[in-house]
Amino acid sequence: MFSNFLGAKIEELNERYVKVKGKVKEEYLNVHNTAHGSYIFALADIAFEAISNYSEKSVALHMDIDFRNPAYLNDELTVEGFLESKGNKTSLYRFVVKRKEDMIAEILALAYHIR
């Protein structure tokens, strides 16, 4: 699984909440020696996959990310995800990526439920 490849760990998971942790490795750095945006996005996407498929099969329709602060080599990142609203066909989720108390990124994600 992709999460294993990145060393991401799902620490908590239920229908309304997910927590994923990951550590910035040298391979994940960009030309500025900060965590590549795709790594930060991937951690959020792993959390999205877990929570949106918790009780039914779902696929991503849209994800919107706002980067707030850089992450650095060896930073421990935590993604917390929350179910914002659940409908018959779609659900909206909010994710926050943090390093301790510092916000790294915020993500809104829309899932489509496969029936």
C-alpha atoms as a PDB file:
ATOM      1  CA  MET A   1       0.000   0.000   0.000  1.00  0.00           C
ATOM      2  CA  PHE A   2       1.064   3.562  -0.682  1.00  0.00           C
ATOM      3  CA  SER A   3       0.728   4.489   3.009  1.00  0.00           C
ATOM      4  CA  ASN A   4       3.298   1.807   3.884  1.00  0.00           C
ATOM      5  CA  PHE A   5       5.667   3.142   1.218  1.00  0.00           C
ATOM      6  CA  LEU A   6       5.507   6.601   2.865  1.00  0.00           C
ATOM      7  CA  GLY A   7       5.671   5.226   6.397  1.00  0.00           C
ATOM      8  CA  ALA A   8       2.298   6.789   7.243  1.00  0.00           C
ATOM      9  CA  LYS A   9       0.417   5.297  10.179  1.00  0.00           C
ATOM     10  CA  ILE A  10      -3.312   5.505  10.817  1.00  0.00           C
ATOM     11  CA  GLU A  11      -3.540   6.004  14.583  1.00  0.00           C
ATOM     12  CA  GLU A  12      -7.278   6.594  15.012  1.00  0.00           C
ATOM     13  CA  LEU A  13     -10.203   5.970  12.723  1.00  0.00           C
ATOM     14  CA  ASN A  14     -13.971   6.038  12.880  1.00  0.00           C
ATOM     15  CA  GLU A  15     -16.756   7.353  10.649  1.00  0.00           C
ATOM     16  CA  ARG A  16     -16.315  10.948  11.842  1.00  0.00           C
ATOM     17  CA  TYR A  17     -12.574  11.245  12.664  1.00  0.00           C
ATOM     18  CA  VAL A  18      -9.176  10.057  11.485  1.00  0.00           C
ATOM     19  CA  LYS A  19      -5.624  10.674  12.671  1.00  0.00           C
ATOM     20  CA  VAL A  20      -2.604   9.857  10.501  1.00  0.00           C
ATOM     21  CA  LYS A  21       1.065  10.414  11.346  1.00  0.00           C
ATOM     22  CA  GLY A  22       4.124  10.631   9.136  1.00  0.00           C
ATOM     23  CA  LYS A  23       7.728  11.784   9.346  1.00  0.00           C
ATOM     24  CA  VAL A  24       9.491  13.979   6.788  1.00  0.00           C
ATOM     25  CA  LYS A  25      12.423  12.033   5.326  1.00  0.00           C
ATOM     26  CA  GLU A  26      15.234  13.343   3.138  1.00  0.00           C
ATOM     27  CA  GLU A  27      13.590  11.742   0.097  1.00  0.00           C
ATOM     28  CA  TYR A  28      10.512  13.936   0.650  1.00  0.00           C
ATOM     29  CA  LEU A  29      12.347  17.285   0.462  1.00  0.00           C
ATOM     30  CA  ASN A  30      12.069  19.808  -2.370  1.00  0.00           C
ATOM     31  CA  VAL A  31      14.626  22.281  -3.758  1.00  0.00           C
ATOM     32  CA  HIS A  32      14.092  24.538  -0.704  1.00  0.00           C
ATOM     33  CA  ASN A  33      14.931  21.698   1.717  1.00  0.00           C
ATOM     34  CA  THR A  34      11.358  21.678   2.981  1.00  0.00           C
ATOM     35  CA  ALA A  35       8.798  18.900   2.676  1.00  0.00           C
ATOM     36  CA  HIS A  36       7.522  18.611  -0.873  1.00  0.00           C
ATOM     37  CA  GLY A  37       3.876  19.627  -1.183  1.00  0.00           C
ATOM     38  CA  SER A  38       3.061  16.251  -2.695  1.00  0.00           C
ATOM     39  CA  TYR A  39       4.177  14.518   0.522  1.00  0.00           C
ATOM     40  CA  ILE A  40       1.960  16.743   2.653  1.00  0.00           C
ATOM     41  CA  PHE A  41      -0.908  16.224   0.209  1.00  0.00           C
ATOM     42  CA  ALA A  42      -0.304  12.452   0.212  1.00  0.00           C
ATOM     43  CA  LEU A  43      -0.605  12.264   4.010  1.00  0.00           C
ATOM     44  CA  ALA A  44      -3.939  14.088   3.811  1.00  0.00           C
ATOM     45  CA  ASP A  45      -5.062  11.841   0.954  1.00  0.00           C
ATOM     46  CA  ILE A  46      -4.261   8.738   3.021  1.00  0.00           C
ATOM     47  CA  ALA A  47      -6.441  10.128   5.814  1.00  0.00           C
ATOM     48  CA  PHE A  48      -9.164  10.947   3.263  1.00  0.00           C
ATOM     49  CA  GLU A  49      -9.080   7.431   1.839  1.00  0.00           C
ATOM     50  CA  ALA A  50      -9.382   5.895   5.303  1.00  0.00           C
ATOM     51  CA  ILE A  51     -12.239   8.015   6.638  1.00  0.00           C
ATOM     52  CA  SER A  52     -14.281   8.204   3.431  1.00  0.00           C
ATOM     53  CA  ASN A  53     -14.169   4.416   3.001  1.00  0.00           C
ATOM     54  CA  TYR A  54     -14.795   3.614   6.662  1.00  0.00           C
ATOM     55  CA  SER A  55     -18.442   2.632   6.282  1.00  0.00           C
ATOM     56  CA  GLU A  56     -18.952   2.566   2.507  1.00  0.00           C
ATOM     57  CA  LYS A  57     -16.947   2.544  -0.706  1.00  0.00           C
ATOM     58  CA  SER A  58     -16.063   6.049  -1.833  1.00  0.00           C
ATOM     59  CA  VAL A  59     -13.860   7.817  -4.347  1.00  0.00           C
ATOM     60  CA  ALA A  60     -12.434  11.335  -4.334  1.00  0.00           C
ATOM     61  CA  LEU A  61     -14.235  13.976  -6.365  1.00  0.00           C
ATOM     62  CA  HIS A  62     -12.214  16.980  -5.290  1.00  0.00           C
ATOM     63  CA  MET A  63      -9.481  18.032  -2.863  1.00  0.00           C
ATOM     64  CA  ASP A  64      -8.439  21.618  -2.191  1.00  0.00           C
ATOM     65  CA  ILE A  65      -5.266  22.311  -0.201  1.00  0.00           C
ATOM     66  CA  ASP A  66      -3.926  25.504   1.340  1.00  0.00           C
ATOM     67  CA  PHE A  67      -0.302  25.384   2.468  1.00  0.00           C
ATOM     68  CA  ARG A  68       0.312  27.551   5.549  1.00  0.00           C
ATOM     69  CA  ASN A  69       3.846  26.760   6.781  1.00  0.00           C
ATOM     70  CA  PRO A  70       6.769  24.639   5.630  1.00  0.00           C
ATOM     71  CA  ALA A  71       7.695  21.314   7.172  1.00  0.00           C
ATOM     72  CA  TYR A  72      11.323  20.277   7.548  1.00  0.00           C
ATOM     73  CA  LEU A  73      13.487  17.176   7.616  1.00  0.00           C
ATOM     74  CA  ASN A  74      12.553  14.869  10.527  1.00  0.00           C
ATOM     75  CA  ASP A  75       9.387  16.807  11.372  1.00  0.00           C
ATOM     76  CA  GLU A  76       6.645  14.564  12.739  1.00  0.00           C
ATOM     77  CA  LEU A  77       3.416  15.529  10.972  1.00  0.00           C
ATOM     78  CA  THR A  78      -0.092  14.738  12.149  1.00  0.00           C
ATOM     79  CA  VAL A  79      -3.157  14.842   9.932  1.00  0.00           C
ATOM     80  CA  GLU A  80      -6.525  15.082  11.647  1.00  0.00           C
ATOM     81  CA  GLY A  81      -9.618  14.623   9.526  1.00  0.00           C
ATOM     82  CA  PHE A  82     -13.219  15.396  10.337  1.00  0.00           C
ATOM     83  CA  LEU A  83     -16.517  14.573   8.652  1.00  0.00           C
ATOM     84  CA  GLU A  84     -18.173  17.931   7.990  1.00  0.00           C
ATOM     85  CA  SER A  85     -21.355  16.729   6.279  1.00  0.00           C
ATOM     86  CA  LYS A  86     -22.678  13.419   5.001  1.00  0.00           C
ATOM     87  CA  GLY A  87     -25.158  13.099   2.154  1.00  0.00           C
ATOM     88  CA  ASN A  88     -26.625  10.210   0.200  1.00  0.00           C
ATOM     89  CA  LYS A  89     -24.134  10.519  -2.649  1.00  0.00           C
ATOM     90  CA  THR A  90     -21.361  12.776  -1.344  1.00  0.00           C
ATOM     91  CA  SER A  91     -19.653  13.710   1.895  1.00  0.00           C
ATOM     92  CA  LEU A  92     -17.434  16.656   2.783  1.00  0.00           C
ATOM     93  CA  TYR A  93     -14.331  16.263   4.968  1.00  0.00           C
ATOM     94  CA  ARG A  94     -11.914  18.766   6.516  1.00  0.00           C
ATOM     95  CA  PHE A  95      -8.272  17.914   7.241  1.00  0.00           C
ATOM     96  CA  VAL A  96      -5.579  19.774   9.156  1.00  0.00           C
ATOM     97  CA  VAL A  97      -1.890  18.899   8.831  1.00  0.00           C
ATOM     98  CA  LYS A  98       0.175  19.986  11.838  1.00  0.00           C
ATOM     99  CA  ARG A  99       3.671  19.874  13.248  1.00  0.00           C
ATOM    100  CA  LYS A 100       3.009  19.992  16.986  1.00  0.00           C
ATOM    101  CA  GLU A 101       0.854  23.140  17.200  1.00  0.00           C
ATOM    102  CA  ASP A 102       2.004  24.702  13.904  1.00  0.00           C
ATOM    103  CA  MET A 103      -0.464  24.389  11.045  1.00  0.00           C
ATOM    104  CA  ILE A 104       1.213  23.133   7.888  1.00  0.00           C
ATOM    105  CA  ALA A 105      -1.844  22.800   5.627  1.00  0.00           C
ATOM    106  CA  GLU A 106      -5.648  22.733   5.515  1.00  0.00           C
ATOM    107  CA  ILE A 107      -7.598  20.567   3.107  1.00  0.00           C
ATOM    108  CA  LEU A 108     -11.258  20.302   2.099  1.00  0.00           C
ATOM    109  CA  ALA A 109     -12.183  17.094   0.316  1.00  0.00           C
ATOM    110  CA  LEU A 110     -15.355  15.855  -1.341  1.00  0.00           C
ATOM    111  CA  ALA A 111     -16.061  12.124  -1.673  1.00  0.00           C
ATOM    112  CA  TYR A 112     -18.569  10.344  -3.879  1.00  0.00           C
ATOM    113  CA  HIS A 113     -20.173   7.218  -2.392  1.00  0.00           C
ATOM    114  CA  ILE A 114     -20.289   4.244  -4.733  1.00  0.00           C
ATOM    115  CA  ARG A 115     -23.468   2.250  -4.340  1.00  0.00           C
END
